[in-house]
Amino acid sequence: MVGDVMRGEVTGLVTFGSFVRVSGGIEGLVHSREFAPGPVTGPHDVVQIGDEMVVVVTGVDRRRRTLPLSPGCRPSPDSSGRPRVAADERIE
């Protein structure tokens, strides 16, 4: 599972990162430092709750059912400005 690229939905924002729900309802954390090469004030500078994004699994904690995640590329938005991806879809 480490190294898998998946689509997920941003479910929460905290000062240190964003929670993203991926396949199986498992939530992972994308740390704020992962969003940009330079400093960011917080994840709200890059994503909002409900945004769909592509993430890479960087670790697995099966006991706690959590995943450390890193952002992949953000999908192109449709005409409404919302990303065009299906949450929980694995990218092969």
PDB file of N, CA and C in Angstrom:
ATOM      1  N   MET A   1       0.808  -1.183   0.000  1.00  0.00           N
ATOM      2  CA  MET A   1       0.000   0.000   0.000  1.00  0.00           C
ATOM      3  C   MET A   1       0.868   1.270   0.000  1.00  0.00           C
ATOM      4  N   VAL A   2       2.037   1.242   0.641  1.00  0.00           N
ATOM      5  CA  VAL A   2       2.925   2.403   0.589  1.00  0.00           C
ATOM      6  C   VAL A   2       3.320   2.639  -0.861  1.00  0.00           C
ATOM      7  N   GLY A   3       3.208   3.875  -1.294  1.00  0.00           N
ATOM      8  CA  GLY A   3       3.505   4.221  -2.678  1.00  0.00           C
ATOM      9  C   GLY A   3       2.269   4.263  -3.559  1.00  0.00           C
ATOM     10  N   ASP A   4       1.128   3.729  -3.069  1.00  0.00           N
ATOM     11  CA  ASP A   4      -0.109   3.787  -3.848  1.00  0.00           C
ATOM     12  C   ASP A   4      -0.530   5.232  -4.045  1.00  0.00           C
ATOM     13  N   VAL A   5      -1.040   5.523  -5.228  1.00  0.00           N
ATOM     14  CA  VAL A   5      -1.586   6.837  -5.544  1.00  0.00           C
ATOM     15  C   VAL A   5      -3.099   6.683  -5.573  1.00  0.00           C
ATOM     16  N   MET A   6      -3.798   7.514  -4.785  1.00  0.00           N
ATOM     17  CA  MET A   6      -5.243   7.381  -4.642  1.00  0.00           C
ATOM     18  C   MET A   6      -5.908   8.749  -4.710  1.00  0.00           C
ATOM     19  N   ARG A   7      -7.203   8.733  -4.981  1.00  0.00           N
ATOM     20  CA  ARG A   7      -8.003   9.942  -4.882  1.00  0.00           C
ATOM     21  C   ARG A   7      -8.740   9.911  -3.561  1.00  0.00           C
ATOM     22  N   GLY A   8      -8.907  11.068  -2.957  1.00  0.00           N
ATOM     23  CA  GLY A   8      -9.628  11.157  -1.708  1.00  0.00           C
ATOM     24  C   GLY A   8     -10.273  12.512  -1.548  1.00  0.00           C
ATOM     25  N   GLU A   9     -11.028  12.658  -0.465  1.00  0.00           N
ATOM     26  CA  GLU A   9     -11.739  13.900  -0.190  1.00  0.00           C
ATOM     27  C   GLU A   9     -11.218  14.516   1.101  1.00  0.00           C
ATOM     28  N   VAL A  10     -10.958  15.811   1.077  1.00  0.00           N
ATOM     29  CA  VAL A  10     -10.514  16.531   2.260  1.00  0.00           C
ATOM     30  C   VAL A  10     -11.690  16.595   3.242  1.00  0.00           C
ATOM     31  N   THR A  11     -11.479  16.063   4.450  1.00  0.00           N
ATOM     32  CA  THR A  11     -12.551  16.009   5.443  1.00  0.00           C
ATOM     33  C   THR A  11     -12.307  16.916   6.630  1.00  0.00           C
ATOM     34  N   GLY A  12     -11.099  17.409   6.794  1.00  0.00           N
ATOM     35  CA  GLY A  12     -10.818  18.292   7.918  1.00  0.00           C
ATOM     36  C   GLY A  12      -9.537  19.066   7.721  1.00  0.00           C
ATOM     37  N   LEU A  13      -9.503  20.255   8.291  1.00  0.00           N
ATOM     38  CA  LEU A  13      -8.319  21.102   8.236  1.00  0.00           C
ATOM     39  C   LEU A  13      -7.904  21.453   9.658  1.00  0.00           C
ATOM     40  N   VAL A  14      -6.640  21.274   9.946  1.00  0.00           N
ATOM     41  CA  VAL A  14      -6.056  21.661  11.233  1.00  0.00           C
ATOM     42  C   VAL A  14      -4.798  22.459  10.922  1.00  0.00           C
ATOM     43  N   THR A  15      -4.240  23.115  11.923  1.00  0.00           N
ATOM     44  CA  THR A  15      -3.090  23.982  11.658  1.00  0.00           C
ATOM     45  C   THR A  15      -1.905  23.237  11.061  1.00  0.00           C
ATOM     46  N   PHE A  16      -1.780  21.947  11.356  1.00  0.00           N
ATOM     47  CA  PHE A  16      -0.613  21.184  10.902  1.00  0.00           C
ATOM     48  C   PHE A  16      -0.863  20.358   9.647  1.00  0.00           C
ATOM     49  N   GLY A  17      -2.084  20.391   9.086  1.00  0.00           N
ATOM     50  CA  GLY A  17      -2.326  19.644   7.867  1.00  0.00           C
ATOM     51  C   GLY A  17      -3.798  19.455   7.562  1.00  0.00           C
ATOM     52  N   SER A  18      -4.072  18.555   6.622  1.00  0.00           N
ATOM     53  CA  SER A  18      -5.456  18.260   6.245  1.00  0.00           C
ATOM     54  C   SER A  18      -5.686  16.756   6.304  1.00  0.00           C
ATOM     55  N   PHE A  19      -6.882  16.397   6.745  1.00  0.00           N
ATOM     56  CA  PHE A  19      -7.281  14.995   6.764  1.00  0.00           C
ATOM     57  C   PHE A  19      -7.977  14.685   5.450  1.00  0.00           C
ATOM     58  N   VAL A  20      -7.628  13.541   4.865  1.00  0.00           N
ATOM     59  CA  VAL A  20      -8.169  13.132   3.575  1.00  0.00           C
ATOM     60  C   VAL A  20      -8.705  11.712   3.713  1.00  0.00           C
ATOM     61  N   ARG A  21      -9.971  11.501   3.336  1.00  0.00           N
ATOM     62  CA  ARG A  21     -10.577  10.168   3.367  1.00  0.00           C
ATOM     63  C   ARG A  21     -10.351   9.504   2.012  1.00  0.00           C
ATOM     64  N   VAL A  22      -9.754   8.301   2.059  1.00  0.00           N
ATOM     65  CA  VAL A  22      -9.477   7.530   0.846  1.00  0.00           C
ATOM     66  C   VAL A  22     -10.258   6.227   0.904  1.00  0.00           C
ATOM     67  N   SER A  23      -9.919   5.292   0.071  1.00  0.00           N
ATOM     68  CA  SER A  23     -10.608   4.017  -0.066  1.00  0.00           C
ATOM     69  C   SER A  23     -10.849   3.339   1.279  1.00  0.00           C
ATOM     70  N   GLY A  24     -12.033   2.780   1.435  1.00  0.00           N
ATOM     71  CA  GLY A  24     -12.378   2.054   2.644  1.00  0.00           C
ATOM     72  C   GLY A  24     -12.726   2.960   3.813  1.00  0.00           C
ATOM     73  N   GLY A  25     -12.884   4.253   3.564  1.00  0.00           N
ATOM     74  CA  GLY A  25     -13.226   5.183   4.624  1.00  0.00           C
ATOM     75  C   GLY A  25     -12.069   5.520   5.537  1.00  0.00           C
ATOM     76  N   ILE A  26     -10.884   5.095   5.180  1.00  0.00           N
ATOM     77  CA  ILE A  26      -9.700   5.371   5.996  1.00  0.00           C
ATOM     78  C   ILE A  26      -9.270   6.814   5.772  1.00  0.00           C
ATOM     79  N   GLU A  27      -8.950   7.503   6.873  1.00  0.00           N
ATOM     80  CA  GLU A  27      -8.478   8.874   6.758  1.00  0.00           C
ATOM     81  C   GLU A  27      -6.978   8.935   6.978  1.00  0.00           C
ATOM     82  N   GLY A  28      -6.349   9.738   6.161  1.00  0.00           N
ATOM     83  CA  GLY A  28      -4.927   9.967   6.298  1.00  0.00           C
ATOM     84  C   GLY A  28      -4.669  11.447   6.495  1.00  0.00           C
ATOM     85  N   LEU A  29      -3.446  11.784   6.846  1.00  0.00           N
ATOM     86  CA  LEU A  29      -3.069  13.172   7.075  1.00  0.00           C
ATOM     87  C   LEU A  29      -2.013  13.607   6.074  1.00  0.00           C
ATOM     88  N   VAL A  30      -2.283  14.722   5.410  1.00  0.00           N
ATOM     89  CA  VAL A  30      -1.280  15.388   4.591  1.00  0.00           C
ATOM     90  C   VAL A  30      -0.765  16.542   5.436  1.00  0.00           C
ATOM     91  N   HIS A  31       0.500  16.465   5.846  1.00  0.00           N
ATOM     92  CA  HIS A  31       1.085  17.504   6.690  1.00  0.00           C
ATOM     93  C   HIS A  31       1.245  18.790   5.889  1.00  0.00           C
ATOM     94  N   SER A  32       1.074  19.920   6.550  1.00  0.00           N
ATOM     95  CA  SER A  32       1.169  21.235   5.886  1.00  0.00           C
ATOM     96  C   SER A  32       2.461  21.401   5.103  1.00  0.00           C
ATOM     97  N   ARG A  33       3.564  20.884   5.623  1.00  0.00           N
ATOM     98  CA  ARG A  33       4.851  21.049   4.936  1.00  0.00           C
ATOM     99  C   ARG A  33       4.893  20.312   3.600  1.00  0.00           C
ATOM    100  N   GLU A  34       3.943  19.397   3.371  1.00  0.00           N
ATOM    101  CA  GLU A  34       3.897  18.631   2.125  1.00  0.00           C
ATOM    102  C   GLU A  34       3.228  19.391   0.978  1.00  0.00           C
ATOM    103  N   PHE A  35       2.513  20.475   1.278  1.00  0.00           N
ATOM    104  CA  PHE A  35       1.722  21.149   0.252  1.00  0.00           C
ATOM    105  C   PHE A  35       2.524  22.010  -0.704  1.00  0.00           C
ATOM    106  N   ALA A  36       3.651  22.535  -0.273  1.00  0.00           N
ATOM    107  CA  ALA A  36       4.415  23.434  -1.127  1.00  0.00           C
ATOM    108  C   ALA A  36       5.885  23.361  -0.739  1.00  0.00           C
ATOM    109  N   PRO A  37       6.770  23.669  -1.686  1.00  0.00           N
ATOM    110  CA  PRO A  37       8.193  23.628  -1.367  1.00  0.00           C
ATOM    111  C   PRO A  37       8.594  24.717  -0.377  1.00  0.00           C
ATOM    112  N   GLY A  38       7.843  25.817  -0.339  1.00  0.00           N
ATOM    113  CA  GLY A  38       8.136  26.897   0.591  1.00  0.00           C
ATOM    114  C   GLY A  38       7.141  26.898   1.736  1.00  0.00           C
ATOM    115  N   PRO A  39       7.259  27.860   2.621  1.00  0.00           N
ATOM    116  CA  PRO A  39       6.344  27.909   3.763  1.00  0.00           C
ATOM    117  C   PRO A  39       4.912  28.228   3.345  1.00  0.00           C
ATOM    118  N   VAL A  40       3.952  27.609   4.018  1.00  0.00           N
ATOM    119  CA  VAL A  40       2.538  27.925   3.850  1.00  0.00           C
ATOM    120  C   VAL A  40       1.984  28.224   5.240  1.00  0.00           C
ATOM    121  N   THR A  41       0.992  29.097   5.294  1.00  0.00           N
ATOM    122  CA  THR A  41       0.377  29.446   6.569  1.00  0.00           C
ATOM    123  C   THR A  41      -0.343  28.249   7.161  1.00  0.00           C
ATOM    124  N   GLY A  42      -0.973  27.474   6.306  1.00  0.00           N
ATOM    125  CA  GLY A  42      -1.709  26.285   6.724  1.00  0.00           C
ATOM    126  C   GLY A  42      -2.333  25.647   5.507  1.00  0.00           C
ATOM    127  N   PRO A  43      -2.984  24.496   5.689  1.00  0.00           N
ATOM    128  CA  PRO A  43      -3.566  23.803   4.546  1.00  0.00           C
ATOM    129  C   PRO A  43      -4.677  24.601   3.869  1.00  0.00           C
ATOM    130  N   HIS A  44      -5.323  25.510   4.612  1.00  0.00           N
ATOM    131  CA  HIS A  44      -6.397  26.316   4.034  1.00  0.00           C
ATOM    132  C   HIS A  44      -5.894  27.212   2.900  1.00  0.00           C
ATOM    133  N   ASP A  45      -4.582  27.399   2.803  1.00  0.00           N
ATOM    134  CA  ASP A  45      -4.010  28.145   1.679  1.00  0.00           C
ATOM    135  C   ASP A  45      -4.085  27.352   0.380  1.00  0.00           C
ATOM    136  N   VAL A  46      -4.252  26.031   0.492  1.00  0.00           N
ATOM    137  CA  VAL A  46      -4.163  25.156  -0.677  1.00  0.00           C
ATOM    138  C   VAL A  46      -5.452  24.380  -0.925  1.00  0.00           C
ATOM    139  N   VAL A  47      -6.098  23.882   0.123  1.00  0.00           N
ATOM    140  CA  VAL A  47      -7.305  23.052  -0.020  1.00  0.00           C
ATOM    141  C   VAL A  47      -8.390  23.518   0.943  1.00  0.00           C
ATOM    142  N   GLN A  48      -9.613  23.073   0.675  1.00  0.00           N
ATOM    143  CA  GLN A  48     -10.756  23.347   1.532  1.00  0.00           C
ATOM    144  C   GLN A  48     -11.475  22.026   1.812  1.00  0.00           C
ATOM    145  N   ILE A  49     -12.252  21.975   2.885  1.00  0.00           N
ATOM    146  CA  ILE A  49     -13.046  20.782   3.184  1.00  0.00           C
ATOM    147  C   ILE A  49     -13.966  20.513   1.999  1.00  0.00           C
ATOM    148  N   GLY A  50     -14.024  19.255   1.594  1.00  0.00           N
ATOM    149  CA  GLY A  50     -14.833  18.852   0.445  1.00  0.00           C
ATOM    150  C   GLY A  50     -14.046  18.760  -0.844  1.00  0.00           C
ATOM    151  N   ASP A  51     -12.854  19.367  -0.899  1.00  0.00           N
ATOM    152  CA  ASP A  51     -12.025  19.251  -2.098  1.00  0.00           C
ATOM    153  C   ASP A  51     -11.617  17.797  -2.285  1.00  0.00           C
ATOM    154  N   GLU A  52     -11.527  17.405  -3.527  1.00  0.00           N
ATOM    155  CA  GLU A  52     -11.009  16.085  -3.858  1.00  0.00           C
ATOM    156  C   GLU A  52      -9.592  16.282  -4.357  1.00  0.00           C
ATOM    157  N   MET A  53      -8.712  15.386  -3.935  1.00  0.00           N
ATOM    158  CA  MET A  53      -7.317  15.522  -4.327  1.00  0.00           C
ATOM    159  C   MET A  53      -6.668  14.156  -4.502  1.00  0.00           C
ATOM    160  N   VAL A  54      -5.591  14.147  -5.228  1.00  0.00           N
ATOM    161  CA  VAL A  54      -4.795  12.949  -5.439  1.00  0.00           C
ATOM    162  C   VAL A  54      -3.712  12.933  -4.366  1.00  0.00           C
ATOM    163  N   VAL A  55      -3.544  11.776  -3.714  1.00  0.00           N
ATOM    164  CA  VAL A  55      -2.541  11.642  -2.659  1.00  0.00           C
ATOM    165  C   VAL A  55      -1.712  10.390  -2.874  1.00  0.00           C
ATOM    166  N   VAL A  56      -0.525  10.382  -2.295  1.00  0.00           N
ATOM    167  CA  VAL A  56       0.364   9.228  -2.321  1.00  0.00           C
ATOM    168  C   VAL A  56       0.483   8.713  -0.886  1.00  0.00           C
ATOM    169  N   VAL A  57       0.301   7.414  -0.683  1.00  0.00           N
ATOM    170  CA  VAL A  57       0.440   6.810   0.643  1.00  0.00           C
ATOM    171  C   VAL A  57       1.923   6.717   0.966  1.00  0.00           C
ATOM    172  N   THR A  58       2.332   7.347   2.080  1.00  0.00           N
ATOM    173  CA  THR A  58       3.746   7.344   2.451  1.00  0.00           C
ATOM    174  C   THR A  58       4.031   6.453   3.651  1.00  0.00           C
ATOM    175  N   GLY A  59       2.994   5.886   4.253  1.00  0.00           N
ATOM    176  CA  GLY A  59       3.156   4.991   5.392  1.00  0.00           C
ATOM    177  C   GLY A  59       1.825   4.331   5.711  1.00  0.00           C
ATOM    178  N   VAL A  60       1.837   3.370   6.637  1.00  0.00           N
ATOM    179  CA  VAL A  60       0.611   2.664   7.025  1.00  0.00           C
ATOM    180  C   VAL A  60       0.649   2.400   8.524  1.00  0.00           C
ATOM    181  N   ASP A  61      -0.455   2.715   9.215  1.00  0.00           N
ATOM    182  CA  ASP A  61      -0.626   2.345  10.616  1.00  0.00           C
ATOM    183  C   ASP A  61      -1.919   1.545  10.694  1.00  0.00           C
ATOM    184  N   ARG A  62      -1.799   0.222  10.520  1.00  0.00           N
ATOM    185  CA  ARG A  62      -2.986  -0.643  10.463  1.00  0.00           C
ATOM    186  C   ARG A  62      -3.754  -0.661  11.779  1.00  0.00           C
ATOM    187  N   ARG A  63      -3.064  -0.587  12.890  1.00  0.00           N
ATOM    188  CA  ARG A  63      -3.733  -0.628  14.189  1.00  0.00           C
ATOM    189  C   ARG A  63      -4.662   0.572  14.361  1.00  0.00           C
ATOM    190  N   ARG A  64      -4.184   1.744  14.002  1.00  0.00           N
ATOM    191  CA  ARG A  64      -4.991   2.963  14.146  1.00  0.00           C
ATOM    192  C   ARG A  64      -5.812   3.264  12.906  1.00  0.00           C
ATOM    193  N   ARG A  65      -5.612   2.472  11.836  1.00  0.00           N
ATOM    194  CA  ARG A  65      -6.297   2.684  10.556  1.00  0.00           C
ATOM    195  C   ARG A  65      -6.069   4.098  10.025  1.00  0.00           C
ATOM    196  N   THR A  66      -4.821   4.518  10.053  1.00  0.00           N
ATOM    197  CA  THR A  66      -4.465   5.834   9.519  1.00  0.00           C
ATOM    198  C   THR A  66      -3.333   5.701   8.512  1.00  0.00           C
ATOM    199  N   LEU A  67      -3.231   6.709   7.690  1.00  0.00           N
ATOM    200  CA  LEU A  67      -2.196   6.735   6.661  1.00  0.00           C
ATOM    201  C   LEU A  67      -1.524   8.097   6.632  1.00  0.00           C
ATOM    202  N   PRO A  68      -0.197   8.145   6.711  1.00  0.00           N
ATOM    203  CA  PRO A  68       0.484   9.391   6.363  1.00  0.00           C
ATOM    204  C   PRO A  68       0.425   9.532   4.837  1.00  0.00           C
ATOM    205  N   LEU A  69       0.065  10.718   4.372  1.00  0.00           N
ATOM    206  CA  LEU A  69      -0.108  10.945   2.943  1.00  0.00           C
ATOM    207  C   LEU A  69       0.725  12.131   2.480  1.00  0.00           C
ATOM    208  N   SER A  70       0.992  12.142   1.193  1.00  0.00           N
ATOM    209  CA  SER A  70       1.645  13.258   0.542  1.00  0.00           C
ATOM    210  C   SER A  70       0.776  13.637  -0.649  1.00  0.00           C
ATOM    211  N   PRO A  71       0.648  14.926  -0.949  1.00  0.00           N
ATOM    212  CA  PRO A  71      -0.193  15.289  -2.088  1.00  0.00           C
ATOM    213  C   PRO A  71       0.440  14.871  -3.399  1.00  0.00           C
ATOM    214  N   GLY A  72      -0.425  14.376  -4.301  1.00  0.00           N
ATOM    215  CA  GLY A  72      -0.027  14.154  -5.684  1.00  0.00           C
ATOM    216  C   GLY A  72      -0.451  15.403  -6.444  1.00  0.00           C
ATOM    217  N   CYS A  73      -0.680  15.285  -7.720  1.00  0.00           N
ATOM    218  CA  CYS A  73      -1.132  16.446  -8.481  1.00  0.00           C
ATOM    219  C   CYS A  73      -2.610  16.701  -8.193  1.00  0.00           C
ATOM    220  N   ARG A  74      -3.004  17.952  -8.183  1.00  0.00           N
ATOM    221  CA  ARG A  74      -4.410  18.312  -8.009  1.00  0.00           C
ATOM    222  C   ARG A  74      -5.092  18.199  -9.362  1.00  0.00           C
ATOM    223  N   PRO A  75      -6.248  17.544  -9.445  1.00  0.00           N
ATOM    224  CA  PRO A  75      -6.965  17.421 -10.719  1.00  0.00           C
ATOM    225  C   PRO A  75      -7.446  18.778 -11.232  1.00  0.00           C
ATOM    226  N   SER A  76      -7.685  18.847 -12.526  1.00  0.00           N
ATOM    227  CA  SER A  76      -8.205  20.070 -13.123  1.00  0.00           C
ATOM    228  C   SER A  76      -9.652  20.284 -12.690  1.00  0.00           C
ATOM    229  N   PRO A  77     -10.011  21.510 -12.337  1.00  0.00           N
ATOM    230  CA  PRO A  77     -11.404  21.754 -11.937  1.00  0.00           C
ATOM    231  C   PRO A  77     -12.328  21.779 -13.138  1.00  0.00           C
ATOM    232  N   ASP A  78     -13.625  21.501 -12.875  1.00  0.00           N
ATOM    233  CA  ASP A  78     -14.618  21.639 -13.930  1.00  0.00           C
ATOM    234  C   ASP A  78     -15.070  23.097 -13.969  1.00  0.00           C
ATOM    235  N   SER A  79     -16.128  23.410 -14.722  1.00  0.00           N
ATOM    236  CA  SER A  79     -16.557  24.802 -14.885  1.00  0.00           C
ATOM    237  C   SER A  79     -17.037  25.424 -13.573  1.00  0.00           C
ATOM    238  N   SER A  80     -17.417  24.606 -12.592  1.00  0.00           N
ATOM    239  CA  SER A  80     -17.851  25.149 -11.305  1.00  0.00           C
ATOM    240  C   SER A  80     -16.658  25.460 -10.405  1.00  0.00           C
ATOM    241  N   GLY A  81     -15.470  25.063 -10.830  1.00  0.00           N
ATOM    242  CA  GLY A  81     -14.280  25.281 -10.022  1.00  0.00           C
ATOM    243  C   GLY A  81     -13.961  24.118  -9.112  1.00  0.00           C
ATOM    244  N   ARG A  82     -14.815  23.083  -9.068  1.00  0.00           N
ATOM    245  CA  ARG A  82     -14.597  21.905  -8.231  1.00  0.00           C
ATOM    246  C   ARG A  82     -13.754  20.896  -9.000  1.00  0.00           C
ATOM    247  N   PRO A  83     -12.861  20.179  -8.335  1.00  0.00           N
ATOM    248  CA  PRO A  83     -12.055  19.158  -9.020  1.00  0.00           C
ATOM    249  C   PRO A  83     -12.934  18.062  -9.614  1.00  0.00           C
ATOM    250  N   ARG A  84     -12.518  17.509 -10.755  1.00  0.00           N
ATOM    251  CA  ARG A  84     -13.255  16.455 -11.429  1.00  0.00           C
ATOM    252  C   ARG A  84     -12.646  15.095 -11.109  1.00  0.00           C
ATOM    253  N   VAL A  85     -12.895  14.585  -9.925  1.00  0.00           N
ATOM    254  CA  VAL A  85     -12.430  13.258  -9.553  1.00  0.00           C
ATOM    255  C   VAL A  85     -13.491  12.604  -8.692  1.00  0.00           C
ATOM    256  N   ALA A  86     -13.468  11.286  -8.638  1.00  0.00           N
ATOM    257  CA  ALA A  86     -14.349  10.551  -7.752  1.00  0.00           C
ATOM    258  C   ALA A  86     -13.567  10.210  -6.482  1.00  0.00           C
ATOM    259  N   ALA A  87     -14.108  10.555  -5.337  1.00  0.00           N
ATOM    260  CA  ALA A  87     -13.427  10.230  -4.067  1.00  0.00           C
ATOM    261  C   ALA A  87     -13.269   8.731  -3.949  1.00  0.00           C
ATOM    262  N   ASP A  88     -12.231   8.303  -3.279  1.00  0.00           N
ATOM    263  CA  ASP A  88     -11.963   6.900  -2.995  1.00  0.00           C
ATOM    264  C   ASP A  88     -11.594   6.082  -4.224  1.00  0.00           C
ATOM    265  N   GLU A  89     -11.256   6.720  -5.334  1.00  0.00           N
ATOM    266  CA  GLU A  89     -10.878   5.976  -6.534  1.00  0.00           C
ATOM    267  C   GLU A  89      -9.380   5.765  -6.547  1.00  0.00           C
ATOM    268  N   ARG A  90      -8.957   4.519  -6.698  1.00  0.00           N
ATOM    269  CA  ARG A  90      -7.537   4.210  -6.787  1.00  0.00           C
ATOM    270  C   ARG A  90      -7.051   4.476  -8.200  1.00  0.00           C
ATOM    271  N   ILE A  91      -5.878   5.026  -8.303  1.00  0.00           N
ATOM    272  CA  ILE A  91      -5.293   5.329  -9.603  1.00  0.00           C
ATOM    273  C   ILE A  91      -4.273   4.253  -9.912  1.00  0.00           C
ATOM    274  N   GLU A  92      -4.439   3.597 -11.016  1.00  0.00           N
ATOM    275  CA  GLU A  92      -3.529   2.509 -11.393  1.00  0.00           C
ATOM    276  C   GLU A  92      -2.377   3.051 -12.210  1.00  0.00           C
TER     277      GLU A  92
END
